[in-house]
Amino acid sequence: MRPEPCGSGRTFLFALSRRRLIETVLAYVGTGSVSLAAQRLYCYRNSVLHRRARVHQLTGYDPAIPAAAATLAPALNCRPRPGHTTARTGS
């Protein structure tokens, strides 16, 4: 029986997985090619296919379908980035 990872370990793995999925979708949409996205990400073509399928499973949007990619790409580009602060207006 394997020990359960601690909460911070799960959080780190989730963040790493999430970042890879986002990078993969953006590379795929940006190139329009699984092979070119794999080259850009320095990974195997099958990794891109697997990650693309995982994004579809998680979001319901298939990046291989242009209309879905047109919805995903802007949403992923607008996400908050680590270390980025936004200006708040006070009253």
C-alpha atoms as a PDB file:
ATOM      1  CA  MET A   1       0.000   0.000   0.000  1.00  0.00           C
ATOM      2  CA  ARG A   2       1.421   3.356  -1.049  1.00  0.00           C
ATOM      3  CA  PRO A   3       1.298   6.281   1.361  1.00  0.00           C
ATOM      4  CA  GLU A   4      -1.036   9.137   0.467  1.00  0.00           C
ATOM      5  CA  PRO A   5       0.900  12.259  -0.602  1.00  0.00           C
ATOM      6  CA  CYS A   6       0.595  15.257   1.683  1.00  0.00           C
ATOM      7  CA  GLY A   7      -1.764  18.089   0.745  1.00  0.00           C
ATOM      8  CA  SER A   8       0.991  20.400  -0.472  1.00  0.00           C
ATOM      9  CA  GLY A   9       2.333  17.624  -2.706  1.00  0.00           C
ATOM     10  CA  ARG A  10      -1.068  17.134  -4.283  1.00  0.00           C
ATOM     11  CA  THR A  11      -1.428  20.867  -4.770  1.00  0.00           C
ATOM     12  CA  PHE A  12       1.976  21.026  -6.468  1.00  0.00           C
ATOM     13  CA  LEU A  13       1.171  18.088  -8.760  1.00  0.00           C
ATOM     14  CA  PHE A  14      -2.209  19.578  -9.646  1.00  0.00           C
ATOM     15  CA  ALA A  15      -0.620  22.949 -10.459  1.00  0.00           C
ATOM     16  CA  LEU A  16       2.089  21.281 -12.548  1.00  0.00           C
ATOM     17  CA  SER A  17      -0.461  19.186 -14.432  1.00  0.00           C
ATOM     18  CA  ARG A  18      -2.697  22.199 -14.979  1.00  0.00           C
ATOM     19  CA  ARG A  19       0.187  24.302 -16.301  1.00  0.00           C
ATOM     20  CA  ARG A  20       1.196  21.548 -18.731  1.00  0.00           C
ATOM     21  CA  LEU A  21      -2.355  21.194 -20.022  1.00  0.00           C
ATOM     22  CA  ILE A  22      -2.641  24.941 -20.563  1.00  0.00           C
ATOM     23  CA  GLU A  23       0.758  25.152 -22.279  1.00  0.00           C
ATOM     24  CA  THR A  24      -0.173  22.229 -24.495  1.00  0.00           C
ATOM     25  CA  VAL A  25      -3.499  23.692 -25.601  1.00  0.00           C
ATOM     26  CA  LEU A  26      -1.904  27.052 -26.343  1.00  0.00           C
ATOM     27  CA  ALA A  27       0.950  25.429 -28.299  1.00  0.00           C
ATOM     28  CA  TYR A  28      -1.493  23.256 -30.242  1.00  0.00           C
ATOM     29  CA  VAL A  29      -3.847  26.133 -31.042  1.00  0.00           C
ATOM     30  CA  GLY A  30      -0.898  28.375 -31.890  1.00  0.00           C
ATOM     31  CA  THR A  31       0.620  25.932 -34.360  1.00  0.00           C
ATOM     32  CA  GLY A  32      -2.449  24.018 -35.550  1.00  0.00           C
ATOM     33  CA  SER A  33      -0.352  20.862 -35.483  1.00  0.00           C
ATOM     34  CA  VAL A  34       0.198  18.099 -32.940  1.00  0.00           C
ATOM     35  CA  SER A  35       3.731  17.490 -34.231  1.00  0.00           C
ATOM     36  CA  LEU A  36       4.715  21.166 -34.150  1.00  0.00           C
ATOM     37  CA  ALA A  37       3.207  21.597 -30.694  1.00  0.00           C
ATOM     38  CA  ALA A  38       5.229  18.593 -29.492  1.00  0.00           C
ATOM     39  CA  GLN A  39       8.407  20.117 -30.920  1.00  0.00           C
ATOM     40  CA  ARG A  40       7.662  23.442 -29.251  1.00  0.00           C
ATOM     41  CA  LEU A  41       7.003  21.729 -25.906  1.00  0.00           C
ATOM     42  CA  TYR A  42       9.932  19.285 -26.205  1.00  0.00           C
ATOM     43  CA  CYS A  43       7.684  16.280 -25.669  1.00  0.00           C
ATOM     44  CA  TYR A  44       6.310  13.345 -27.618  1.00  0.00           C
ATOM     45  CA  ARG A  45       3.463  13.721 -30.089  1.00  0.00           C
ATOM     46  CA  ASN A  46       1.445  11.194 -28.062  1.00  0.00           C
ATOM     47  CA  SER A  47       1.859  13.414 -24.981  1.00  0.00           C
ATOM     48  CA  VAL A  48       0.197  16.266 -26.848  1.00  0.00           C
ATOM     49  CA  LEU A  49      -2.626  13.978 -27.958  1.00  0.00           C
ATOM     50  CA  HIS A  50      -3.124  12.696 -24.405  1.00  0.00           C
ATOM     51  CA  ARG A  51      -3.122  16.190 -22.901  1.00  0.00           C
ATOM     52  CA  ARG A  52      -5.507  17.446 -25.574  1.00  0.00           C
ATOM     53  CA  ALA A  53      -7.885  14.579 -24.742  1.00  0.00           C
ATOM     54  CA  ARG A  54      -7.562  15.374 -21.024  1.00  0.00           C
ATOM     55  CA  VAL A  55      -8.501  19.014 -21.630  1.00  0.00           C
ATOM     56  CA  HIS A  56     -11.545  17.835 -23.578  1.00  0.00           C
ATOM     57  CA  GLN A  57     -12.477  15.506 -20.722  1.00  0.00           C
ATOM     58  CA  LEU A  58     -12.094  18.226 -18.084  1.00  0.00           C
ATOM     59  CA  THR A  59     -13.684  21.144 -19.932  1.00  0.00           C
ATOM     60  CA  GLY A  60     -16.005  19.648 -22.527  1.00  0.00           C
ATOM     61  CA  TYR A  61     -14.168  21.653 -25.193  1.00  0.00           C
ATOM     62  CA  ASP A  62     -12.127  19.724 -27.764  1.00  0.00           C
ATOM     63  CA  PRO A  63      -9.134  21.846 -28.859  1.00  0.00           C
ATOM     64  CA  ALA A  64      -9.125  19.936 -32.163  1.00  0.00           C
ATOM     65  CA  ILE A  65     -12.450  21.572 -33.082  1.00  0.00           C
ATOM     66  CA  PRO A  66     -11.836  25.160 -34.272  1.00  0.00           C
ATOM     67  CA  ALA A  67     -14.900  26.631 -32.534  1.00  0.00           C
ATOM     68  CA  ALA A  68     -13.883  25.027 -29.239  1.00  0.00           C
ATOM     69  CA  ALA A  69     -10.284  26.163 -29.674  1.00  0.00           C
ATOM     70  CA  ALA A  70     -11.562  29.693 -30.303  1.00  0.00           C
ATOM     71  CA  THR A  71     -13.257  29.552 -26.905  1.00  0.00           C
ATOM     72  CA  LEU A  72     -10.383  27.896 -25.029  1.00  0.00           C
ATOM     73  CA  ALA A  73      -7.442  29.969 -26.253  1.00  0.00           C
ATOM     74  CA  PRO A  74      -8.667  33.409 -25.124  1.00  0.00           C
ATOM     75  CA  ALA A  75      -9.853  31.991 -21.803  1.00  0.00           C
ATOM     76  CA  LEU A  76      -6.445  30.422 -21.138  1.00  0.00           C
ATOM     77  CA  ASN A  77      -4.600  33.564 -22.171  1.00  0.00           C
ATOM     78  CA  CYS A  78      -6.669  35.645 -19.735  1.00  0.00           C
ATOM     79  CA  ARG A  79      -5.905  33.504 -16.687  1.00  0.00           C
ATOM     80  CA  PRO A  80      -4.105  35.067 -13.733  1.00  0.00           C
ATOM     81  CA  ARG A  81      -0.387  34.381 -13.774  1.00  0.00           C
ATOM     82  CA  PRO A  82       1.745  33.712 -10.693  1.00  0.00           C
ATOM     83  CA  GLY A  83       3.291  36.886  -9.330  1.00  0.00           C
ATOM     84  CA  HIS A  84       0.960  39.083 -11.363  1.00  0.00           C
ATOM     85  CA  THR A  85      -0.968  41.617  -9.354  1.00  0.00           C
ATOM     86  CA  THR A  86      -3.975  43.532 -10.515  1.00  0.00           C
ATOM     87  CA  ALA A  87      -4.774  47.098  -9.574  1.00  0.00           C
ATOM     88  CA  ARG A  88      -7.640  47.401  -7.156  1.00  0.00           C
ATOM     89  CA  THR A  89      -9.793  50.431  -6.847  1.00  0.00           C
ATOM     90  CA  GLY A  90     -10.743  51.391  -3.346  1.00  0.00           C
ATOM     91  CA  SER A  91     -13.748  53.354  -2.219  1.00  0.00           C
END
